[in-house]
Amino acid sequence: MDSIILCLLAVSGVLSIFLFVARGLLDQTPEVINAWHRVQRAYRGTEPDAGSSADPDT
């Protein structure tokens, strides 16, 4: 009985850590995509369109 409880606690701990890491990665995804687009534009030597709202940082 004790081993079942320990296994449940271990699984829930691992699951919560996994969800915490996944949330952190997903929160950073839009910033990484915007940075990648800025790198591509810099490499091509093009400027973003004046009316474009794809990248509000520039």
N, C-alpha and C. Protein backbone atom coordinates (compact mmCIF):
# COMPACT_ATOMS: atom_id res chain seq x y z
N MET A 1 0.82 -1.20 0.00
CA MET A 1 0.00 0.00 0.00
C MET A 1 0.87 1.26 0.00
N ASP A 2 1.93 1.23 0.77
CA ASP A 2 2.81 2.40 0.83
C ASP A 2 3.52 2.63 -0.49
N SER A 3 3.87 1.55 -1.18
CA SER A 3 4.56 1.71 -2.45
C SER A 3 3.65 2.33 -3.51
N ILE A 4 2.37 2.02 -3.46
CA ILE A 4 1.42 2.61 -4.40
C ILE A 4 1.32 4.11 -4.17
N ILE A 5 1.26 4.52 -2.92
CA ILE A 5 1.17 5.94 -2.59
C ILE A 5 2.44 6.66 -3.03
N LEU A 6 3.60 6.05 -2.80
CA LEU A 6 4.85 6.67 -3.22
C LEU A 6 4.93 6.78 -4.74
N CYS A 7 4.46 5.77 -5.44
CA CYS A 7 4.45 5.82 -6.90
C CYS A 7 3.53 6.93 -7.40
N LEU A 8 2.36 7.07 -6.79
CA LEU A 8 1.44 8.13 -7.19
C LEU A 8 2.05 9.51 -6.94
N LEU A 9 2.70 9.68 -5.81
CA LEU A 9 3.35 10.95 -5.51
C LEU A 9 4.48 11.25 -6.49
N ALA A 10 5.25 10.23 -6.82
CA ALA A 10 6.35 10.41 -7.77
C ALA A 10 5.83 10.78 -9.15
N VAL A 11 4.80 10.09 -9.60
CA VAL A 11 4.23 10.37 -10.92
C VAL A 11 3.64 11.77 -10.95
N SER A 12 2.95 12.17 -9.92
CA SER A 12 2.37 13.51 -9.90
C SER A 12 3.46 14.58 -9.85
N GLY A 13 4.54 14.32 -9.15
CA GLY A 13 5.65 15.27 -9.11
C GLY A 13 6.31 15.42 -10.47
N VAL A 14 6.57 14.30 -11.13
CA VAL A 14 7.18 14.34 -12.46
C VAL A 14 6.24 15.03 -13.44
N LEU A 15 4.96 14.75 -13.37
CA LEU A 15 3.99 15.37 -14.27
C LEU A 15 3.93 16.88 -14.05
N SER A 16 3.96 17.32 -12.80
CA SER A 16 3.90 18.76 -12.55
C SER A 16 5.16 19.46 -13.04
N ILE A 17 6.32 18.84 -12.89
CA ILE A 17 7.55 19.43 -13.41
C ILE A 17 7.50 19.49 -14.93
N PHE A 18 7.03 18.44 -15.58
CA PHE A 18 6.90 18.42 -17.03
C PHE A 18 5.98 19.53 -17.51
N LEU A 19 4.84 19.71 -16.86
CA LEU A 19 3.90 20.76 -17.25
C LEU A 19 4.49 22.15 -17.05
N PHE A 20 5.25 22.34 -15.98
CA PHE A 20 5.90 23.62 -15.71
C PHE A 20 6.90 23.95 -16.81
N VAL A 21 7.71 22.96 -17.22
CA VAL A 21 8.70 23.17 -18.28
C VAL A 21 8.01 23.40 -19.62
N ALA A 22 6.98 22.65 -19.91
CA ALA A 22 6.26 22.80 -21.18
C ALA A 22 5.63 24.19 -21.26
N ARG A 23 5.07 24.66 -20.16
CA ARG A 23 4.47 25.99 -20.15
C ARG A 23 5.54 27.06 -20.40
N GLY A 24 6.69 26.91 -19.78
CA GLY A 24 7.77 27.86 -20.00
C GLY A 24 8.23 27.89 -21.44
N LEU A 25 8.34 26.74 -22.06
CA LEU A 25 8.75 26.68 -23.47
C LEU A 25 7.69 27.30 -24.38
N LEU A 26 6.44 27.02 -24.10
CA LEU A 26 5.37 27.57 -24.93
C LEU A 26 5.25 29.08 -24.76
N ASP A 27 5.57 29.59 -23.58
CA ASP A 27 5.54 31.04 -23.38
C ASP A 27 6.62 31.74 -24.18
N GLN A 28 7.73 31.07 -24.42
CA GLN A 28 8.84 31.67 -25.16
C GLN A 28 8.71 31.52 -26.67
N THR A 29 7.83 30.69 -27.13
CA THR A 29 7.72 30.40 -28.56
C THR A 29 7.45 31.64 -29.41
N PRO A 30 6.49 32.52 -29.07
CA PRO A 30 6.27 33.70 -29.92
C PRO A 30 7.50 34.60 -30.03
N GLU A 31 8.24 34.76 -28.95
CA GLU A 31 9.45 35.58 -28.99
C GLU A 31 10.51 34.97 -29.90
N VAL A 32 10.64 33.65 -29.85
CA VAL A 32 11.61 32.97 -30.70
C VAL A 32 11.23 33.12 -32.17
N ILE A 33 9.95 33.00 -32.47
CA ILE A 33 9.48 33.13 -33.85
C ILE A 33 9.72 34.55 -34.35
N ASN A 34 9.42 35.55 -33.53
CA ASN A 34 9.66 36.94 -33.93
C ASN A 34 11.15 37.20 -34.15
N ALA A 35 11.99 36.67 -33.29
CA ALA A 35 13.43 36.85 -33.45
C ALA A 35 13.90 36.18 -34.74
N TRP A 36 13.37 35.02 -35.06
CA TRP A 36 13.75 34.32 -36.28
C TRP A 36 13.36 35.14 -37.51
N HIS A 37 12.18 35.75 -37.49
CA HIS A 37 11.75 36.58 -38.60
C HIS A 37 12.64 37.81 -38.74
N ARG A 38 13.06 38.39 -37.63
CA ARG A 38 13.98 39.54 -37.69
C ARG A 38 15.32 39.13 -38.29
N VAL A 39 15.80 37.93 -37.94
CA VAL A 39 17.06 37.44 -38.50
C VAL A 39 16.92 37.24 -40.00
N GLN A 40 15.81 36.66 -40.43
CA GLN A 40 15.60 36.44 -41.86
C GLN A 40 15.54 37.75 -42.62
N ARG A 41 14.84 38.75 -42.06
CA ARG A 41 14.76 40.05 -42.72
C ARG A 41 16.12 40.72 -42.78
N ALA A 42 16.90 40.62 -41.72
CA ALA A 42 18.24 41.21 -41.71
C ALA A 42 19.14 40.52 -42.73
N TYR A 43 19.01 39.23 -42.85
CA TYR A 43 19.82 38.49 -43.82
C TYR A 43 19.46 38.89 -45.25
N ARG A 44 18.18 39.05 -45.50
CA ARG A 44 17.74 39.44 -46.84
C ARG A 44 17.98 40.91 -47.11
N GLY A 45 18.11 41.71 -46.06
CA GLY A 45 18.31 43.14 -46.23
C GLY A 45 17.03 43.88 -46.53
N THR A 46 15.89 43.32 -46.13
CA THR A 46 14.61 43.96 -46.39
C THR A 46 14.06 44.54 -45.10
N GLU A 47 13.23 45.53 -45.27
CA GLU A 47 12.56 46.16 -44.13
C GLU A 47 11.13 45.63 -44.05
N PRO A 48 10.56 45.57 -42.85
CA PRO A 48 9.16 45.15 -42.75
C PRO A 48 8.24 46.20 -43.36
N ASP A 49 7.07 45.76 -43.81
CA ASP A 49 6.09 46.69 -44.38
C ASP A 49 5.63 47.67 -43.30
N ALA A 50 5.34 48.89 -43.71
CA ALA A 50 4.90 49.91 -42.75
C ALA A 50 3.55 49.56 -42.15
N GLY A 51 2.69 48.92 -42.90
CA GLY A 51 1.35 48.58 -42.41
C GLY A 51 1.28 47.21 -41.76
N SER A 52 2.38 46.51 -41.72
CA SER A 52 2.38 45.16 -41.19
C SER A 52 2.40 45.18 -39.67
N SER A 53 1.58 44.34 -39.06
CA SER A 53 1.57 44.24 -37.59
C SER A 53 2.14 42.90 -37.14
N ALA A 54 2.90 42.24 -38.01
CA ALA A 54 3.46 40.92 -37.68
C ALA A 54 4.50 41.02 -36.59
N ASP A 55 5.26 42.12 -36.55
CA ASP A 55 6.32 42.26 -35.56
C ASP A 55 6.25 43.65 -34.94
N PRO A 56 5.56 43.82 -33.83
CA PRO A 56 5.37 45.16 -33.26
C PRO A 56 6.62 45.72 -32.60
N ASP A 57 7.68 44.93 -32.43
CA ASP A 57 8.88 45.41 -31.74
C ASP A 57 9.73 46.32 -32.60
N THR A 58 9.58 46.23 -33.92
CA THR A 58 10.47 47.01 -34.78
C THR A 58 9.77 48.24 -35.31
